[in-house]
ModelCIF file with pLDDT and N, C-alpha, C, O atoms, coordinates in Angstrom:
data_MODEL
#
_entry.id   MODEL 
#
_entity.id                         1 
_entity.type                       polymer 
_entity.pdbx_number_of_molecules   1 
#
_entity_poly.entity_id                      1 
_entity_poly.type                           'polypeptide(L)' 
_entity_poly.nstd_linkage                   no 
_entity_poly.nstd_monomer                   no 
_entity_poly.pdbx_seq_one_letter_code       ITLDYYAIGWFRQAPGKERERVSCISSSDGSTYYADSVKG 
_entity_poly.pdbx_seq_one_letter_code_can   ITLDYYAIGWFRQAPGKERERVSCISSSDGSTYYADSVKG 
_entity_poly.pdbx_strand_id                 A 
#
loop_
_entity_poly_seq.entity_id 
_entity_poly_seq.num 
_entity_poly_seq.mon_id 
_entity_poly_seq.hetero 
1 1  ILE n 
1 2  THR n 
1 3  LEU n 
1 4  ASP n 
1 5  TYR n 
1 6  TYR n 
1 7  ALA n 
1 8  ILE n 
1 9  GLY n 
1 10 TRP n 
1 11 PHE n 
1 12 ARG n 
1 13 GLN n 
1 14 ALA n 
1 15 PRO n 
1 16 GLY n 
1 17 LYS n 
1 18 GLU n 
1 19 ARG n 
1 20 GLU n 
1 21 ARG n 
1 22 VAL n 
1 23 SER n 
1 24 CYS n 
1 25 ILE n 
1 26 SER n 
1 27 SER n 
1 28 SER n 
1 29 ASP n 
1 30 GLY n 
1 31 SER n 
1 32 THR n 
1 33 TYR n 
1 34 TYR n 
1 35 ALA n 
1 36 ASP n 
1 37 SER n 
1 38 VAL n 
1 39 LYS n 
1 40 GLY n 
#
_struct_asym.id          A 
_struct_asym.entity_id   1 
#
loop_
_ma_qa_metric.id 
_ma_qa_metric.mode 
_ma_qa_metric.name 
_ma_qa_metric.software_group_id 
_ma_qa_metric.type 
1 global pLDDT . pLDDT 
2 local  pLDDT . pLDDT 
#
_ma_qa_metric_global.metric_id      1 
_ma_qa_metric_global.metric_value   91.65 
_ma_qa_metric_global.model_id       1 
_ma_qa_metric_global.ordinal_id     1 
#
loop_
_ma_qa_metric_local.label_asym_id 
_ma_qa_metric_local.label_comp_id 
_ma_qa_metric_local.label_seq_id 
_ma_qa_metric_local.metric_id 
_ma_qa_metric_local.metric_value 
_ma_qa_metric_local.model_id 
_ma_qa_metric_local.ordinal_id 
A ILE 1  2 64.00 1 1  
A THR 2  2 62.00 1 2  
A LEU 3  2 66.00 1 3  
A ASP 4  2 72.00 1 4  
A TYR 5  2 82.00 1 5  
A TYR 6  2 87.00 1 6  
A ALA 7  2 92.00 1 7  
A ILE 8  2 94.00 1 8  
A GLY 9  2 96.00 1 9  
A TRP 10 2 98.00 1 10 
A PHE 11 2 98.00 1 11 
A ARG 12 2 98.00 1 12 
A GLN 13 2 98.00 1 13 
A ALA 14 2 97.00 1 14 
A PRO 15 2 92.00 1 15 
A GLY 16 2 93.00 1 16 
A LYS 17 2 95.00 1 17 
A GLU 18 2 95.00 1 18 
A ARG 19 2 95.00 1 19 
A GLU 20 2 96.00 1 20 
A ARG 21 2 97.00 1 21 
A VAL 22 2 98.00 1 22 
A SER 23 2 98.00 1 23 
A CYS 24 2 97.00 1 24 
A ILE 25 2 96.00 1 25 
A SER 26 2 93.00 1 26 
A SER 27 2 87.00 1 27 
A SER 28 2 82.00 1 28 
A ASP 29 2 85.00 1 29 
A GLY 30 2 89.00 1 30 
A SER 31 2 95.00 1 31 
A THR 32 2 97.00 1 32 
A TYR 33 2 97.00 1 33 
A TYR 34 2 98.00 1 34 
A ALA 35 2 98.00 1 35 
A ASP 36 2 98.00 1 36 
A SER 37 2 97.00 1 37 
A VAL 38 2 98.00 1 38 
A LYS 39 2 98.00 1 39 
A GLY 40 2 98.00 1 40 
#
loop_
_atom_site.group_PDB 
_atom_site.id 
_atom_site.type_symbol 
_atom_site.label_atom_id 
_atom_site.label_alt_id 
_atom_site.label_comp_id 
_atom_site.label_asym_id 
_atom_site.label_entity_id 
_atom_site.label_seq_id 
_atom_site.pdbx_PDB_ins_code 
_atom_site.Cartn_x 
_atom_site.Cartn_y 
_atom_site.Cartn_z 
_atom_site.occupancy 
_atom_site.B_iso_or_equiv 
_atom_site.pdbx_formal_charge 
_atom_site.auth_seq_id 
_atom_site.auth_comp_id 
_atom_site.auth_asym_id 
_atom_site.auth_atom_id 
_atom_site.pdbx_PDB_model_num 
ATOM 1   N N  . ILE A 1 1  ? -9.749  17.109  20.538 1.00 64.00 ? 1  ILE A N  1 
ATOM 2   C CA . ILE A 1 1  ? -10.793 17.332  19.487 1.00 64.00 ? 1  ILE A CA 1 
ATOM 3   C C  . ILE A 1 1  ? -11.050 16.398  18.604 1.00 64.00 ? 1  ILE A C  1 
ATOM 4   O O  . ILE A 1 1  ? -12.146 15.849  18.500 1.00 64.00 ? 1  ILE A O  1 
ATOM 5   N N  . THR A 1 2  ? -9.907  16.118  17.804 1.00 62.00 ? 2  THR A N  1 
ATOM 6   C CA . THR A 1 2  ? -10.170 15.065  16.781 1.00 62.00 ? 2  THR A CA 1 
ATOM 7   C C  . THR A 1 2  ? -10.926 13.742  17.456 1.00 62.00 ? 2  THR A C  1 
ATOM 8   O O  . THR A 1 2  ? -12.071 13.447  17.114 1.00 62.00 ? 2  THR A O  1 
ATOM 9   N N  . LEU A 1 3  ? -10.320 13.111  18.268 1.00 66.00 ? 3  LEU A N  1 
ATOM 10  C CA . LEU A 1 3  ? -11.103 12.023  19.231 1.00 66.00 ? 3  LEU A CA 1 
ATOM 11  C C  . LEU A 1 3  ? -12.374 12.241  19.431 1.00 66.00 ? 3  LEU A C  1 
ATOM 12  O O  . LEU A 1 3  ? -13.265 11.455  19.112 1.00 66.00 ? 3  LEU A O  1 
ATOM 13  N N  . ASP A 1 4  ? -12.533 13.337  19.979 1.00 72.00 ? 4  ASP A N  1 
ATOM 14  C CA . ASP A 1 4  ? -13.972 13.679  20.624 1.00 72.00 ? 4  ASP A CA 1 
ATOM 15  C C  . ASP A 1 4  ? -15.002 13.937  19.552 1.00 72.00 ? 4  ASP A C  1 
ATOM 16  O O  . ASP A 1 4  ? -16.185 13.637  19.712 1.00 72.00 ? 4  ASP A O  1 
ATOM 17  N N  . TYR A 1 5  ? -14.589 14.427  18.594 1.00 82.00 ? 5  TYR A N  1 
ATOM 18  C CA . TYR A 1 5  ? -15.664 14.848  17.295 1.00 82.00 ? 5  TYR A CA 1 
ATOM 19  C C  . TYR A 1 5  ? -15.554 14.413  16.062 1.00 82.00 ? 5  TYR A C  1 
ATOM 20  O O  . TYR A 1 5  ? -16.393 14.701  15.209 1.00 82.00 ? 5  TYR A O  1 
ATOM 21  N N  . TYR A 1 6  ? -14.385 13.580  15.790 1.00 87.00 ? 6  TYR A N  1 
ATOM 22  C CA . TYR A 1 6  ? -14.145 13.068  14.480 1.00 87.00 ? 6  TYR A CA 1 
ATOM 23  C C  . TYR A 1 6  ? -14.035 11.363  14.548 1.00 87.00 ? 6  TYR A C  1 
ATOM 24  O O  . TYR A 1 6  ? -13.463 10.852  15.511 1.00 87.00 ? 6  TYR A O  1 
ATOM 25  N N  . ALA A 1 7  ? -14.529 10.648  13.636 1.00 92.00 ? 7  ALA A N  1 
ATOM 26  C CA . ALA A 1 7  ? -13.942 9.115   13.433 1.00 92.00 ? 7  ALA A CA 1 
ATOM 27  C C  . ALA A 1 7  ? -12.491 9.326   12.839 1.00 92.00 ? 7  ALA A C  1 
ATOM 28  O O  . ALA A 1 7  ? -12.020 10.339  12.319 1.00 92.00 ? 7  ALA A O  1 
ATOM 29  N N  . ILE A 1 8  ? -11.954 8.177   13.043 1.00 94.00 ? 8  ILE A N  1 
ATOM 30  C CA . ILE A 1 8  ? -10.516 8.002   12.547 1.00 94.00 ? 8  ILE A CA 1 
ATOM 31  C C  . ILE A 1 8  ? -10.600 6.640   11.751 1.00 94.00 ? 8  ILE A C  1 
ATOM 32  O O  . ILE A 1 8  ? -10.936 5.538   12.185 1.00 94.00 ? 8  ILE A O  1 
ATOM 33  N N  . GLY A 1 9  ? -10.212 6.994   10.486 1.00 96.00 ? 9  GLY A N  1 
ATOM 34  C CA . GLY A 1 9  ? -9.804  5.873   9.399  1.00 96.00 ? 9  GLY A CA 1 
ATOM 35  C C  . GLY A 1 9  ? -8.727  5.476   9.211  1.00 96.00 ? 9  GLY A C  1 
ATOM 36  O O  . GLY A 1 9  ? -7.866  6.353   9.283  1.00 96.00 ? 9  GLY A O  1 
ATOM 37  N N  . TRP A 1 10 ? -8.333  4.352   8.960  1.00 98.00 ? 10 TRP A N  1 
ATOM 38  C CA . TRP A 1 10 ? -7.093  3.808   8.463  1.00 98.00 ? 10 TRP A CA 1 
ATOM 39  C C  . TRP A 1 10 ? -7.089  3.870   6.968  1.00 98.00 ? 10 TRP A C  1 
ATOM 40  O O  . TRP A 1 10 ? -8.146  3.461   6.487  1.00 98.00 ? 10 TRP A O  1 
ATOM 41  N N  . PHE A 1 11 ? -6.393  4.180   6.288  1.00 98.00 ? 11 PHE A N  1 
ATOM 42  C CA . PHE A 1 11 ? -6.229  3.762   4.759  1.00 98.00 ? 11 PHE A CA 1 
ATOM 43  C C  . PHE A 1 11 ? -4.679  3.507   4.540  1.00 98.00 ? 11 PHE A C  1 
ATOM 44  O O  . PHE A 1 11 ? -3.736  3.790   5.280  1.00 98.00 ? 11 PHE A O  1 
ATOM 45  N N  . ARG A 1 12 ? -4.702  2.843   3.213  1.00 98.00 ? 12 ARG A N  1 
ATOM 46  C CA . ARG A 1 12 ? -3.220  2.509   2.775  1.00 98.00 ? 12 ARG A CA 1 
ATOM 47  C C  . ARG A 1 12 ? -3.184  2.696   1.297  1.00 98.00 ? 12 ARG A C  1 
ATOM 48  O O  . ARG A 1 12 ? -4.227  2.699   0.642  1.00 98.00 ? 12 ARG A O  1 
ATOM 49  N N  . GLN A 1 13 ? -2.206  2.827   0.845  1.00 98.00 ? 13 GLN A N  1 
ATOM 50  C CA . GLN A 1 13 ? -1.797  2.915   -0.603 1.00 98.00 ? 13 GLN A CA 1 
ATOM 51  C C  . GLN A 1 13 ? -0.472  2.516   -1.053 1.00 98.00 ? 13 GLN A C  1 
ATOM 52  O O  . GLN A 1 13 ? 0.564   3.031   -0.632 1.00 98.00 ? 13 GLN A O  1 
ATOM 53  N N  . ALA A 1 14 ? -0.529  1.598   -1.909 1.00 97.00 ? 14 ALA A N  1 
ATOM 54  C CA . ALA A 1 14 ? 0.821   0.941   -2.456 1.00 97.00 ? 14 ALA A CA 1 
ATOM 55  C C  . ALA A 1 14 ? 0.964   1.469   -3.956 1.00 97.00 ? 14 ALA A C  1 
ATOM 56  O O  . ALA A 1 14 ? 0.003   1.540   -4.723 1.00 97.00 ? 14 ALA A O  1 
ATOM 57  N N  . PRO A 1 15 ? 2.232   1.821   -4.280 1.00 92.00 ? 15 PRO A N  1 
ATOM 58  C CA . PRO A 1 15 ? 2.665   2.205   -5.494 1.00 92.00 ? 15 PRO A CA 1 
ATOM 59  C C  . PRO A 1 15 ? 1.728   1.701   -6.464 1.00 92.00 ? 15 PRO A C  1 
ATOM 60  O O  . PRO A 1 15 ? 1.394   0.522   -6.346 1.00 92.00 ? 15 PRO A O  1 
ATOM 61  N N  . GLY A 1 16 ? 1.160   2.507   -7.566 1.00 93.00 ? 16 GLY A N  1 
ATOM 62  C CA . GLY A 1 16 ? 0.389   2.147   -8.687 1.00 93.00 ? 16 GLY A CA 1 
ATOM 63  C C  . GLY A 1 16 ? -0.949  1.546   -8.286 1.00 93.00 ? 16 GLY A C  1 
ATOM 64  O O  . GLY A 1 16 ? -1.525  0.925   -9.180 1.00 93.00 ? 16 GLY A O  1 
ATOM 65  N N  . LYS A 1 17 ? -1.553  1.621   -7.089 1.00 95.00 ? 17 LYS A N  1 
ATOM 66  C CA . LYS A 1 17 ? -2.780  1.155   -6.617 1.00 95.00 ? 17 LYS A CA 1 
ATOM 67  C C  . LYS A 1 17 ? -3.487  2.057   -6.041 1.00 95.00 ? 17 LYS A C  1 
ATOM 68  O O  . LYS A 1 17 ? -2.906  2.918   -5.380 1.00 95.00 ? 17 LYS A O  1 
ATOM 69  N N  . GLU A 1 18 ? -4.918  2.066   -6.161 1.00 95.00 ? 18 GLU A N  1 
ATOM 70  C CA . GLU A 1 18 ? -5.866  3.221   -5.590 1.00 95.00 ? 18 GLU A CA 1 
ATOM 71  C C  . GLU A 1 18 ? -5.552  2.752   -4.094 1.00 95.00 ? 18 GLU A C  1 
ATOM 72  O O  . GLU A 1 18 ? -5.113  1.691   -3.650 1.00 95.00 ? 18 GLU A O  1 
ATOM 73  N N  . ARG A 1 19 ? -6.007  4.138   -3.389 1.00 95.00 ? 19 ARG A N  1 
ATOM 74  C CA . ARG A 1 19 ? -5.952  4.058   -1.989 1.00 95.00 ? 19 ARG A CA 1 
ATOM 75  C C  . ARG A 1 19 ? -7.306  3.284   -1.399 1.00 95.00 ? 19 ARG A C  1 
ATOM 76  O O  . ARG A 1 19 ? -8.441  3.475   -1.835 1.00 95.00 ? 19 ARG A O  1 
ATOM 77  N N  . GLU A 1 20 ? -6.995  2.474   -0.441 1.00 96.00 ? 20 GLU A N  1 
ATOM 78  C CA . GLU A 1 20 ? -8.073  1.824   0.043  1.00 96.00 ? 20 GLU A CA 1 
ATOM 79  C C  . GLU A 1 20 ? -8.261  2.026   1.672  1.00 96.00 ? 20 GLU A C  1 
ATOM 80  O O  . GLU A 1 20 ? -7.385  1.999   2.536  1.00 96.00 ? 20 GLU A O  1 
ATOM 81  N N  . ARG A 1 21 ? -9.605  2.225   1.809  1.00 97.00 ? 21 ARG A N  1 
ATOM 82  C CA . ARG A 1 21 ? -9.969  2.199   3.434  1.00 97.00 ? 21 ARG A CA 1 
ATOM 83  C C  . ARG A 1 21 ? -9.687  0.952   4.162  1.00 97.00 ? 21 ARG A C  1 
ATOM 84  O O  . ARG A 1 21 ? -10.471 0.049   3.869  1.00 97.00 ? 21 ARG A O  1 
ATOM 85  N N  . VAL A 1 22 ? -9.000  0.721   4.824  1.00 98.00 ? 22 VAL A N  1 
ATOM 86  C CA . VAL A 1 22 ? -8.890  -0.606  5.558  1.00 98.00 ? 22 VAL A CA 1 
ATOM 87  C C  . VAL A 1 22 ? -9.766  -0.833  6.770  1.00 98.00 ? 22 VAL A C  1 
ATOM 88  O O  . VAL A 1 22 ? -10.171 -1.968  7.025  1.00 98.00 ? 22 VAL A O  1 
ATOM 89  N N  . SER A 1 23 ? -10.163 0.521   7.753  1.00 98.00 ? 23 SER A N  1 
ATOM 90  C CA . SER A 1 23 ? -10.695 0.532   8.561  1.00 98.00 ? 23 SER A CA 1 
ATOM 91  C C  . SER A 1 23 ? -11.189 1.806   9.377  1.00 98.00 ? 23 SER A C  1 
ATOM 92  O O  . SER A 1 23 ? -10.557 2.856   9.259  1.00 98.00 ? 23 SER A O  1 
ATOM 93  N N  . CYS A 1 24 ? -12.229 1.739   10.146 1.00 97.00 ? 24 CYS A N  1 
ATOM 94  C CA . CYS A 1 24 ? -12.553 3.143   10.639 1.00 97.00 ? 24 CYS A CA 1 
ATOM 95  C C  . CYS A 1 24 ? -13.269 2.800   11.986 1.00 97.00 ? 24 CYS A C  1 
ATOM 96  O O  . CYS A 1 24 ? -13.789 1.723   12.277 1.00 97.00 ? 24 CYS A O  1 
ATOM 97  N N  . ILE A 1 25 ? -13.192 3.930   12.751 1.00 96.00 ? 25 ILE A N  1 
ATOM 98  C CA . ILE A 1 25 ? -13.708 3.755   14.052 1.00 96.00 ? 25 ILE A CA 1 
ATOM 99  C C  . ILE A 1 25 ? -14.725 4.959   14.542 1.00 96.00 ? 25 ILE A C  1 
ATOM 100 O O  . ILE A 1 25 ? -14.257 6.084   14.717 1.00 96.00 ? 25 ILE A O  1 
ATOM 101 N N  . SER A 1 26 ? -15.772 4.764   14.704 1.00 93.00 ? 26 SER A N  1 
ATOM 102 C CA . SER A 1 26 ? -16.567 6.207   15.016 1.00 93.00 ? 26 SER A CA 1 
ATOM 103 C C  . SER A 1 26 ? -16.204 6.725   16.264 1.00 93.00 ? 26 SER A C  1 
ATOM 104 O O  . SER A 1 26 ? -15.608 6.036   17.092 1.00 93.00 ? 26 SER A O  1 
ATOM 105 N N  . SER A 1 27 ? -16.544 7.981   16.472 1.00 87.00 ? 27 SER A N  1 
ATOM 106 C CA . SER A 1 27 ? -16.348 8.692   17.489 1.00 87.00 ? 27 SER A CA 1 
ATOM 107 C C  . SER A 1 27 ? -17.446 8.678   18.472 1.00 87.00 ? 27 SER A C  1 
ATOM 108 O O  . SER A 1 27 ? -17.261 8.772   19.686 1.00 87.00 ? 27 SER A O  1 
ATOM 109 N N  . SER A 1 28 ? -18.702 8.548   17.853 1.00 82.00 ? 28 SER A N  1 
ATOM 110 C CA . SER A 1 28 ? -19.981 8.692   18.734 1.00 82.00 ? 28 SER A CA 1 
ATOM 111 C C  . SER A 1 28 ? -20.098 7.442   19.581 1.00 82.00 ? 28 SER A C  1 
ATOM 112 O O  . SER A 1 28 ? -20.214 7.450   20.807 1.00 82.00 ? 28 SER A O  1 
ATOM 113 N N  . ASP A 1 29 ? -20.053 6.257   18.730 1.00 85.00 ? 29 ASP A N  1 
ATOM 114 C CA . ASP A 1 29 ? -20.386 5.012   19.401 1.00 85.00 ? 29 ASP A CA 1 
ATOM 115 C C  . ASP A 1 29 ? -19.389 4.074   19.454 1.00 85.00 ? 29 ASP A C  1 
ATOM 116 O O  . ASP A 1 29 ? -19.636 3.009   20.020 1.00 85.00 ? 29 ASP A O  1 
ATOM 117 N N  . GLY A 1 30 ? -18.249 4.278   18.944 1.00 89.00 ? 30 GLY A N  1 
ATOM 118 C CA . GLY A 1 30 ? -17.018 3.255   18.821 1.00 89.00 ? 30 GLY A CA 1 
ATOM 119 C C  . GLY A 1 30 ? -17.297 2.092   17.640 1.00 89.00 ? 30 GLY A C  1 
ATOM 120 O O  . GLY A 1 30 ? -16.667 1.046   17.483 1.00 89.00 ? 30 GLY A O  1 
ATOM 121 N N  . SER A 1 31 ? -18.325 2.544   16.934 1.00 95.00 ? 31 SER A N  1 
ATOM 122 C CA . SER A 1 31 ? -18.708 1.361   15.928 1.00 95.00 ? 31 SER A CA 1 
ATOM 123 C C  . SER A 1 31 ? -17.341 1.251   15.156 1.00 95.00 ? 31 SER A C  1 
ATOM 124 O O  . SER A 1 31 ? -16.551 2.192   15.225 1.00 95.00 ? 31 SER A O  1 
ATOM 125 N N  . THR A 1 32 ? -17.093 0.325   14.553 1.00 97.00 ? 32 THR A N  1 
ATOM 126 C CA . THR A 1 32 ? -15.945 -0.310  13.622 1.00 97.00 ? 32 THR A CA 1 
ATOM 127 C C  . THR A 1 32 ? -16.442 -0.759  12.372 1.00 97.00 ? 32 THR A C  1 
ATOM 128 O O  . THR A 1 32 ? -17.550 -1.263  12.188 1.00 97.00 ? 32 THR A O  1 
ATOM 129 N N  . TYR A 1 33 ? -15.383 -0.507  11.346 1.00 97.00 ? 33 TYR A N  1 
ATOM 130 C CA . TYR A 1 33 ? -15.553 -0.962  9.969  1.00 97.00 ? 33 TYR A CA 1 
ATOM 131 C C  . TYR A 1 33 ? -14.438 -1.529  9.615  1.00 97.00 ? 33 TYR A C  1 
ATOM 132 O O  . TYR A 1 33 ? -13.420 -1.166  10.203 1.00 97.00 ? 33 TYR A O  1 
ATOM 133 N N  . TYR A 1 34 ? -14.345 -2.529  8.600  1.00 98.00 ? 34 TYR A N  1 
ATOM 134 C CA . TYR A 1 34 ? -13.459 -3.075  8.168  1.00 98.00 ? 34 TYR A CA 1 
ATOM 135 C C  . TYR A 1 34 ? -13.522 -3.443  6.616  1.00 98.00 ? 34 TYR A C  1 
ATOM 136 O O  . TYR A 1 34 ? -14.578 -3.874  6.152  1.00 98.00 ? 34 TYR A O  1 
ATOM 137 N N  . ALA A 1 35 ? -12.459 -3.283  5.860  1.00 98.00 ? 35 ALA A N  1 
ATOM 138 C CA . ALA A 1 35 ? -12.243 -3.744  4.414  1.00 98.00 ? 35 ALA A CA 1 
ATOM 139 C C  . ALA A 1 35 ? -12.395 -5.242  4.427  1.00 98.00 ? 35 ALA A C  1 
ATOM 140 O O  . ALA A 1 35 ? -11.888 -5.905  5.332  1.00 98.00 ? 35 ALA A O  1 
ATOM 141 N N  . ASP A 1 36 ? -13.059 -5.775  3.477  1.00 98.00 ? 36 ASP A N  1 
ATOM 142 C CA . ASP A 1 36 ? -13.166 -7.336  3.264  1.00 98.00 ? 36 ASP A CA 1 
ATOM 143 C C  . ASP A 1 36 ? -11.604 -7.697  3.240  1.00 98.00 ? 36 ASP A C  1 
ATOM 144 O O  . ASP A 1 36 ? -11.318 -8.742  3.825  1.00 98.00 ? 36 ASP A O  1 
ATOM 145 N N  . SER A 1 37 ? -10.770 -7.134  2.772  1.00 97.00 ? 37 SER A N  1 
ATOM 146 C CA . SER A 1 37 ? -9.266  -7.562  2.477  1.00 97.00 ? 37 SER A CA 1 
ATOM 147 C C  . SER A 1 37 ? -8.761  -7.801  3.773  1.00 97.00 ? 37 SER A C  1 
ATOM 148 O O  . SER A 1 37 ? -7.816  -8.587  3.827  1.00 97.00 ? 37 SER A O  1 
ATOM 149 N N  . VAL A 1 38 ? -9.216  -7.250  4.956  1.00 98.00 ? 38 VAL A N  1 
ATOM 150 C CA . VAL A 1 38 ? -8.482  -7.160  6.270  1.00 98.00 ? 38 VAL A CA 1 
ATOM 151 C C  . VAL A 1 38 ? -9.279  -7.647  7.154  1.00 98.00 ? 38 VAL A C  1 
ATOM 152 O O  . VAL A 1 38 ? -8.672  -7.937  8.186  1.00 98.00 ? 38 VAL A O  1 
ATOM 153 N N  . LYS A 1 39 ? -10.567 -7.895  7.192  1.00 98.00 ? 39 LYS A N  1 
ATOM 154 C CA . LYS A 1 39 ? -11.669 -8.464  8.234  1.00 98.00 ? 39 LYS A CA 1 
ATOM 155 C C  . LYS A 1 39 ? -11.037 -9.798  8.597  1.00 98.00 ? 39 LYS A C  1 
ATOM 156 O O  . LYS A 1 39 ? -10.640 -10.625 7.776  1.00 98.00 ? 39 LYS A O  1 
ATOM 157 N N  . GLY A 1 40 ? -10.990 -9.907  9.858  1.00 98.00 ? 40 GLY A N  1 
ATOM 158 C CA . GLY A 1 40 ? -10.609 -10.954 10.607 1.00 98.00 ? 40 GLY A CA 1 
ATOM 159 C C  . GLY A 1 40 ? -9.165  -10.961 10.955 1.00 98.00 ? 40 GLY A C  1 
ATOM 160 O O  . GLY A 1 40 ? -8.698  -11.873 11.638 1.00 98.00 ? 40 GLY A O  1 
#
């Protein structure tokens, strides 16, 4: 159900730092997104 109806994002958090979304993939069309810090 999660994969059928929701996108999945990857986040990371280091001690003392803000949580950062590093990537995301859509459920509908498979579009992908990347933070500048990890792109490539």
